[in-house]
Protein backbone atom coordinates (compact mmCIF):
# COMPACT_ATOMS: atom_id res chain seq x y z
CA MET A 1 41.43 -17.31 58.87
CA LYS A 2 45.13 -16.49 59.25
CA VAL A 3 47.29 -13.78 57.70
CA THR A 4 49.88 -15.47 55.48
CA ALA A 5 51.56 -12.52 53.74
CA VAL A 6 51.98 -8.75 53.90
CA GLU A 7 52.55 -6.93 50.62
CA THR A 8 53.36 -3.25 50.09
CA TRP A 9 53.67 -0.87 47.14
CA LEU A 10 55.43 2.48 47.64
CA CYS A 11 53.79 4.88 45.18
CA HIS A 12 55.49 8.18 44.37
CA ARG A 13 53.46 11.17 43.17
CA ASP A 14 54.72 14.65 42.29
CA GLU A 15 51.77 16.60 43.66
CA ALA A 16 52.51 20.18 44.74
CA LEU A 17 49.53 20.94 46.97
CA PHE A 18 51.13 23.15 49.65
CA ASP A 19 53.44 26.11 49.20
CA ALA A 20 56.76 26.64 50.97
CA SER A 21 55.14 28.40 53.92
CA ARG A 22 53.59 25.04 54.87
CA THR A 23 56.25 22.61 53.71
CA GLY A 24 59.39 24.38 54.85
CA ARG A 25 62.69 23.31 53.30
CA ALA A 26 61.96 19.58 53.50
CA PRO A 27 60.31 18.16 50.36
CA LEU A 28 56.63 17.28 50.71
CA THR A 29 55.52 14.75 48.13
CA TRP A 30 52.18 12.95 48.29
CA ASP A 31 53.61 9.44 48.35
CA VAL A 32 51.33 6.63 49.51
CA VAL A 33 52.10 3.07 50.60
CA VAL A 34 49.47 0.57 49.52
CA LEU A 35 49.08 -2.38 51.88
CA ARG A 36 47.65 -5.83 51.16
CA LEU A 37 47.13 -8.70 53.58
CA GLN A 38 46.78 -12.21 52.16
CA THR A 39 45.10 -15.04 54.05
CA ASP A 40 45.02 -18.82 54.00
CA GLU A 41 41.39 -18.69 52.80
CA GLY A 42 42.17 -16.64 49.70
CA LEU A 43 40.76 -13.31 50.88
CA THR A 44 42.81 -10.13 50.65
CA GLY A 45 42.41 -7.02 52.79
CA HIS A 46 43.69 -3.59 51.85
CA ALA A 47 44.59 -0.21 53.30
CA THR A 48 46.86 2.71 52.46
CA ALA A 49 49.44 4.50 54.58
CA LEU A 50 50.44 8.14 54.48
CA ALA A 51 54.00 8.59 53.20
CA ALA A 52 54.10 12.31 52.48
CA ARG A 53 57.61 12.95 53.81
CA SER A 54 59.42 9.63 53.44
CA GLY A 55 57.74 6.67 51.85
CA GLU A 56 60.70 4.41 52.52
CA VAL A 57 60.33 5.00 56.26
CA THR A 58 56.61 4.17 56.17
CA GLN A 59 57.22 1.02 54.15
CA ARG A 60 60.01 -0.18 56.47
CA TYR A 61 57.90 0.45 59.58
CA LEU A 62 55.13 -1.69 58.09
CA LEU A 63 57.45 -4.53 57.09
CA ASP A 64 59.98 -4.49 59.94
CA ASN A 65 57.84 -3.60 62.97
CA ILE A 66 54.17 -4.25 62.18
CA ALA A 67 54.12 -7.21 59.80
CA PRO A 68 55.87 -9.57 62.29
CA VAL A 69 53.07 -8.91 64.80
CA VAL A 70 50.38 -9.82 62.27
CA LEU A 71 51.83 -12.65 60.18
CA GLY A 72 50.45 -16.04 61.17
CA ARG A 73 47.76 -14.46 63.38
CA GLU A 74 44.02 -15.00 63.12
CA VAL A 75 42.15 -12.06 61.59
CA HIS A 76 39.79 -12.01 64.59
CA GLU A 77 42.73 -11.17 66.92
CA ARG A 78 42.41 -7.48 66.02
CA GLU A 79 42.11 -6.24 69.62
CA ALA A 80 45.12 -8.26 70.78
CA ILE A 81 47.18 -7.07 67.80
CA TRP A 82 46.11 -3.45 68.40
CA HIS A 83 47.31 -3.54 72.02
CA GLU A 84 50.53 -5.36 71.15
CA LEU A 85 51.41 -2.64 68.66
CA TRP A 86 50.89 0.02 71.33
CA ASN A 87 53.25 -1.96 73.57
CA ILE A 88 55.85 -2.04 70.80
CA ASP A 89 55.35 1.67 70.21
CA ARG A 90 56.25 2.42 73.84
CA HIS A 91 59.31 0.21 73.81
CA LEU A 92 61.47 2.23 71.44
CA THR A 93 59.55 2.02 68.16
CA PHE A 94 57.61 5.30 68.41
CA PHE A 95 55.36 4.89 65.41
CA PRO A 96 54.42 7.99 63.41
CA ALA A 97 50.83 9.05 64.12
CA TYR A 98 49.66 7.52 60.82
CA LEU A 99 50.95 4.04 61.79
CA PRO A 100 49.83 1.39 62.74
CA GLY A 101 46.29 2.37 61.70
CA PRO A 102 46.52 0.99 58.15
CA MET A 103 47.20 -2.57 59.34
CA ASP A 104 44.12 -2.41 61.58
CA VAL A 105 42.03 -1.16 58.63
CA ALA A 106 43.20 -4.04 56.44
CA LEU A 107 42.31 -6.54 59.20
CA TRP A 108 38.81 -5.06 59.51
CA ASP A 109 38.44 -5.15 55.71
CA LEU A 110 39.19 -8.89 55.87
CA ALA A 111 36.83 -9.50 58.79
CA ALA A 112 33.94 -7.76 57.04
CA GLN A 113 34.57 -9.63 53.79
CA ALA A 114 34.64 -12.94 55.68
CA ALA A 115 31.32 -12.04 57.30
CA GLY A 116 29.85 -11.06 53.93
CA LEU A 117 28.98 -7.60 55.28
CA PRO A 118 29.88 -3.99 54.55
CA LEU A 119 32.24 -2.85 57.28
CA TYR A 120 29.77 -0.41 58.84
CA GLN A 121 27.27 -3.25 59.35
CA LEU A 122 29.90 -5.43 61.02
CA LEU A 123 30.72 -2.52 63.34
CA GLY A 124 27.04 -1.91 64.07
CA SER A 125 25.03 0.10 61.58
CA TYR A 126 23.54 3.43 62.67
CA ARG A 127 22.90 5.01 59.23
CA THR A 128 23.87 4.68 55.58
CA SER A 129 24.79 8.24 54.58
CA LEU A 130 26.10 11.59 55.81
CA PRO A 131 26.09 15.16 54.51
CA VAL A 132 29.47 16.23 53.17
CA TYR A 133 31.37 19.41 53.92
CA ALA A 134 33.95 20.68 51.46
CA SER A 135 37.28 21.26 53.21
CA SER A 136 39.63 23.70 51.49
CA LEU A 137 43.37 23.78 51.11
CA PHE A 138 45.27 26.98 51.96
CA LEU A 139 44.30 29.48 49.28
CA ASP A 140 45.91 32.75 48.26
CA SER A 141 43.00 35.20 48.42
CA GLU A 142 39.65 35.84 50.04
CA GLN A 143 37.98 35.62 46.65
CA ALA A 144 39.48 32.17 46.05
CA TYR A 145 37.75 30.87 49.19
CA VAL A 146 34.47 32.51 48.19
CA ASP A 147 34.61 31.10 44.65
CA GLN A 148 35.34 27.63 45.93
CA ALA A 149 32.61 27.67 48.57
CA LYS A 150 30.07 28.82 45.99
CA ALA A 151 31.14 26.14 43.53
CA TYR A 152 30.64 23.34 46.05
CA ALA A 153 27.39 24.82 47.33
CA ALA A 154 26.17 24.70 43.72
CA ARG A 155 26.97 20.98 43.76
CA GLY A 156 24.65 20.54 46.74
CA PHE A 157 27.21 20.61 49.56
CA ALA A 158 25.57 21.92 52.72
CA ALA A 159 28.74 23.14 54.45
CA TYR A 160 32.24 24.50 53.79
CA LYS A 161 35.34 24.59 55.98
CA ALA A 162 38.12 27.06 55.29
CA HIS A 163 41.75 26.45 56.08
CA PRO A 164 42.67 30.15 56.17
CA PRO A 165 46.29 31.08 55.39
CA GLY A 166 47.17 33.19 58.46
CA PRO A 167 48.05 35.33 60.26
CA TRP A 168 44.94 35.78 62.36
CA ARG A 169 43.84 39.18 61.03
CA ARG A 170 43.94 37.88 57.47
CA ASP A 171 42.06 34.80 58.61
CA MET A 172 39.27 36.99 59.95
CA ALA A 173 39.04 38.73 56.57
CA VAL A 174 38.53 35.31 54.97
CA HIS A 175 35.86 34.46 57.53
CA ARG A 176 33.97 37.70 56.91
CA ALA A 177 34.17 37.35 53.13
CA LEU A 178 32.77 33.83 53.27
CA ARG A 179 29.87 34.77 55.50
CA GLU A 180 28.97 37.77 53.35
CA ALA A 181 29.08 35.66 50.18
CA MET A 182 27.31 32.54 51.50
CA GLY A 183 24.49 34.24 53.41
CA PRO A 184 23.55 34.12 57.09
CA ASP A 185 22.51 30.46 57.33
CA TYR A 186 25.03 28.51 55.25
CA VAL A 187 27.12 26.22 57.49
CA LEU A 188 30.71 27.44 57.73
CA MET A 189 33.62 26.16 59.80
CA THR A 190 37.26 27.20 60.03
CA ASP A 191 40.51 25.35 60.72
CA PRO A 192 43.59 27.59 60.64
CA VAL A 193 45.91 24.68 61.62
CA GLY A 194 47.17 27.46 63.80
CA ASP A 195 49.73 28.61 66.27
CA TYR A 196 47.71 31.57 67.56
CA SER A 197 48.37 33.08 70.92
CA LEU A 198 45.53 32.65 73.40
CA GLU A 199 44.57 36.33 73.00
CA GLU A 200 44.46 36.01 69.21
CA ALA A 201 42.35 32.85 69.37
CA ILE A 202 39.82 34.52 71.69
CA ARG A 203 39.59 37.52 69.33
CA VAL A 204 39.07 35.24 66.33
CA GLY A 205 36.59 33.06 68.22
CA ARG A 206 34.47 36.04 69.26
CA GLY A 207 34.45 37.20 65.67
CA LEU A 208 33.37 33.74 64.52
CA GLU A 209 30.51 33.78 67.02
CA LYS A 210 29.21 37.02 65.54
CA LEU A 211 29.50 35.48 62.08
CA ASN A 212 27.59 32.36 63.16
CA TYR A 213 30.34 29.84 62.34
CA HIS A 214 29.61 26.23 63.25
CA TRP A 215 32.96 25.36 64.82
CA PHE A 216 36.49 26.70 65.34
CA GLU A 217 39.16 24.05 64.86
CA GLU A 218 42.81 23.77 65.89
CA PRO A 219 43.87 27.35 66.60
CA PHE A 220 46.79 25.88 68.60
CA ARG A 221 48.90 22.75 68.51
CA ASP A 222 46.84 19.90 69.93
CA PHE A 223 49.20 19.38 72.88
CA GLU A 224 48.56 22.90 74.26
CA LEU A 225 45.76 21.72 76.54
CA ALA A 226 45.92 24.60 79.04
CA LYS A 227 45.35 27.12 76.23
CA TYR A 228 42.48 25.03 74.86
CA THR A 229 40.83 24.84 78.28
CA LYS A 230 40.97 28.62 78.66
CA LEU A 231 39.68 29.12 75.12
CA CYS A 232 36.71 26.79 75.66
CA ALA A 233 35.84 28.63 78.87
CA ALA A 234 35.99 32.02 77.12
CA LEU A 235 33.89 31.20 74.04
CA ASP A 236 30.49 29.80 73.15
CA ILE A 237 31.45 28.54 69.68
CA ALA A 238 32.37 24.85 69.63
CA ILE A 239 36.12 24.25 69.72
CA ALA A 240 37.32 21.20 67.76
CA GLY A 241 40.66 19.55 68.44
CA THR A 242 42.67 16.35 68.97
CA GLU A 243 43.23 15.78 65.24
CA THR A 244 46.96 15.21 65.76
CA THR A 245 46.90 14.22 69.43
CA ARG A 246 49.23 11.31 70.08
CA GLY A 247 48.25 8.28 72.13
CA GLY A 248 44.99 7.37 70.43
CA PRO A 249 42.04 7.21 72.84
CA TRP A 250 44.29 7.78 75.86
CA GLY A 251 45.54 11.08 74.40
CA VAL A 252 42.04 12.23 73.50
CA ALA A 253 40.85 11.34 77.00
CA GLN A 254 43.25 13.94 78.45
CA ALA A 255 41.68 16.68 76.33
CA ILE A 256 38.18 15.62 77.33
CA THR A 257 38.88 15.42 81.06
CA GLN A 258 40.53 18.86 81.01
CA ASN A 259 37.53 20.43 79.21
CA ALA A 260 39.92 21.43 76.43
CA VAL A 261 37.62 20.63 73.48
CA ASP A 262 33.92 20.63 72.62
CA ILE A 263 34.36 18.36 69.58
CA VAL A 264 37.01 15.66 69.25
CA ARG A 265 38.64 14.59 66.01
CA ALA A 266 39.74 11.11 64.94
CA ASP A 267 40.33 9.08 61.80
CA VAL A 268 41.45 5.59 60.82
CA SER A 269 44.89 6.77 59.67
CA TRP A 270 46.04 9.00 62.54
CA LYS A 271 44.23 7.33 65.44
CA ALA A 272 45.32 3.70 65.13
CA GLY A 273 42.77 2.36 62.71
CA VAL A 274 39.13 1.42 62.90
CA THR A 275 39.71 0.01 66.39
CA GLY A 276 41.21 3.24 67.72
CA THR A 277 38.69 5.51 66.03
CA MET A 278 35.72 3.54 67.35
CA LYS A 279 37.18 3.72 70.86
CA ILE A 280 37.53 7.51 70.57
CA ALA A 281 34.02 7.94 69.17
CA HIS A 282 32.50 5.93 72.02
CA LEU A 283 34.64 7.79 74.56
CA ALA A 284 33.38 11.11 73.20
CA GLU A 285 29.77 9.90 73.16
CA ALA A 286 30.02 8.90 76.81
CA HIS A 287 31.04 12.49 77.59
CA GLY A 288 28.30 14.05 75.47
CA LEU A 289 30.65 15.18 72.70
CA ARG A 290 30.67 14.75 68.94
CA CYS A 291 33.51 12.92 67.23
CA GLU A 292 33.93 14.53 63.83
CA ILE A 293 35.94 12.20 61.63
CA HIS A 294 38.99 13.80 60.02
CA CYS A 295 39.93 13.13 56.39
CA THR A 296 43.02 10.98 55.81
CA THR A 297 44.03 12.56 52.43
CA MET A 298 43.67 9.08 50.86
CA GLY A 299 40.43 8.02 49.19
CA PHE A 300 40.40 4.38 50.26
CA MET A 301 41.01 5.26 53.91
CA ASP A 302 38.41 8.02 53.75
CA ILE A 303 35.86 5.40 52.71
CA ALA A 304 36.95 3.38 55.76
CA ASN A 305 36.28 6.60 57.72
CA LEU A 306 32.82 6.69 56.16
CA HIS A 307 32.08 3.17 57.40
CA VAL A 308 33.06 4.21 60.93
CA SER A 309 30.95 7.38 60.66
CA CYS A 310 27.94 5.29 59.65
CA ALA A 311 28.46 2.97 62.61
CA ILE A 312 28.34 5.75 65.24
CA ARG A 313 25.77 8.35 66.19
CA ASN A 314 27.90 11.29 67.26
CA CYS A 315 29.32 12.38 63.90
CA GLU A 316 27.54 15.12 61.95
CA TYR A 317 29.46 15.37 58.66
CA PHE A 318 31.84 13.64 56.25
CA GLU A 319 34.93 15.73 55.48
CA LEU A 320 36.00 15.92 51.83
CA LEU A 321 39.35 17.60 51.22
CA ILE A 322 39.11 19.60 48.01
CA PRO A 323 39.90 19.56 45.17
CA GLU A 324 39.11 15.89 45.72
CA ASP A 325 40.84 14.19 42.78
CA PRO A 326 44.46 14.45 44.06
CA PHE A 327 43.37 12.92 47.37
CA ARG A 328 41.33 10.11 45.85
CA PHE A 329 44.47 8.14 44.94
CA PRO A 330 44.72 5.17 44.91
CA MET A 331 40.95 4.59 44.99
CA LYS A 332 39.52 3.77 41.56
CA ASP A 333 35.89 4.58 42.34
CA PRO A 334 34.61 8.15 42.58
CA TYR A 335 33.39 9.30 45.95
CA PRO A 336 29.76 8.10 46.27
CA ILE A 337 28.33 11.61 46.68
CA ASP A 338 24.92 12.42 45.23
CA ALA A 339 23.57 15.67 43.76
CA ALA A 340 22.38 16.78 47.20
CA GLY A 341 25.90 16.63 48.63
CA VAL A 342 25.26 13.44 50.62
CA ILE A 343 27.76 10.56 50.65
CA HIS A 344 26.46 6.99 50.74
CA VAL A 345 28.38 4.15 52.34
CA PRO A 346 29.31 1.29 49.96
CA GLN A 347 27.18 -1.83 50.30
CA LYS A 348 29.68 -4.46 49.13
CA PRO A 349 31.44 -6.67 51.72
CA GLY A 350 34.43 -5.10 53.42
CA ILE A 351 35.33 -1.49 52.69
CA GLY A 352 33.66 -2.02 49.37
CA VAL A 353 35.60 0.10 46.86
CA ASP A 354 38.26 -0.85 44.32
CA LEU A 355 41.85 0.30 44.11
CA ASP A 356 43.31 1.59 40.84
CA TRP A 357 46.00 -1.02 40.25
CA ASP A 358 47.09 0.51 36.95
CA ALA A 359 47.86 3.78 38.77
CA ILE A 360 49.53 1.91 41.63
CA ASP A 361 51.78 -0.06 39.26
CA ARG A 362 52.57 3.07 37.23
CA THR A 363 53.72 5.05 40.29
CA CYS A 364 55.28 2.19 42.27
CA ARG A 365 58.90 2.70 43.33
CA SER A 366 59.25 -0.30 45.61
CA HIS A 367 57.19 -3.49 45.85
CA GLN A 368 57.83 -5.69 48.90
CA LEU A 369 56.31 -9.01 50.03
CA VAL A 370 56.90 -10.88 53.29
CA ARG A 371 55.34 -14.23 54.14
CA ALA A 372 54.63 -16.04 57.40
CA SER A 373 57.38 -18.50 58.23
C-alpha cells in the first residue's frame, strides 16, 4: 500500500488560553494543521500538527520538506522514513519539535487500519485503559486551583497536576492550598514550566516532599542537565523532565545517562511520532524509569498517545489538559473517559476516532493537496 497524496488544512482558532506573561509580544493562536494521507488502496490516515505560532510555517514544512519523503512510499516503510527525516533535519531543515511526528502518526494510522486492528494492538497490547489526571492551565489564584481540582475529583479523576503561575514562593502557596483542600492521600503533581534557580528548585522540592506530591516536573529548561542531575541527587521526590528535549530518543538518552531525571516525558507530537515515542518508552523501561506521556494539546493526537500508553507498561497515567474542550479540536468524539476517571482506548481499526470535518472546514484558512508524481 503506497502513499499517493498528502492533504493539509490550516485551521485558525481565536482561543485566548494563556495571558501575556506566557505569550510575550508574539501572538499565540491555537491554530492546527490537519493532515491526511491517501493511498492507492483507498485508505486514508490522519494526524494533526501543532501550529500555535505560525500555521503557515507548519503547513509549508509538511508540504515542502516532509511530503516528498513520503509520497510514493510503502506505508510499511515507517522506520526508513523516520530515519530519513532525521537526516533531513540535520542537513539544514531543523524541524520544529512538533514535526515530523504527525506524518509518522498518520502512517501508523494507515498501517493499523490495513491490519484491521486498533493501533495499540498493532503496537503490542499491554492494557486497554488508564487512570486520567487533570492537568491545569496557569490560573490566577490559589482558590482557582483548589476549585478546579475538587471539580475534577468529583468527576472521578484520581489525580490533579497544577501548572502554578510563579514565582516559586507563590507556587508553594498553590501547592499547600491544594494539599490542604484535597486531603493527605489525593495524588497531586506540579509542573511550573519553570526557570527556577537550583536553590529555588531544591527548596520547592523539599516542600513538595513534605506535602506528599507524586512528582515535580520541569522546574528548569530541559537542556539544563547539570542542574537536573544536582536536583535529582538532592531530593527524594521523582523529578520529571525531557518534555521539550530535542533529538527524540537520542536527546532523552542524555538525560537518562546523566541521572538528570527520574521520569521521562514523551508524546507523539513533540517526540517524532509513534515511532519516536515507543523508542523513548522502551529506552526508559530498560533503565527502570517510567515514561509518562505528555499531552499534545490536540484531541486526535492525544488519542494516538493513548494507544501508545496502552502498548507499554511503564506509563502510569493519561494526561488531560483542562478545560478539555478547547484542546479536543479537531476531534469529533468526546474523550472516552468513564465516571471513575478512567480513559478507555478506542477499539476501531487505526486510531479509531472521527475528526469534526464541519469544524475543520469552518475554520480552514488554507487547503493544500500534493500528489505523487
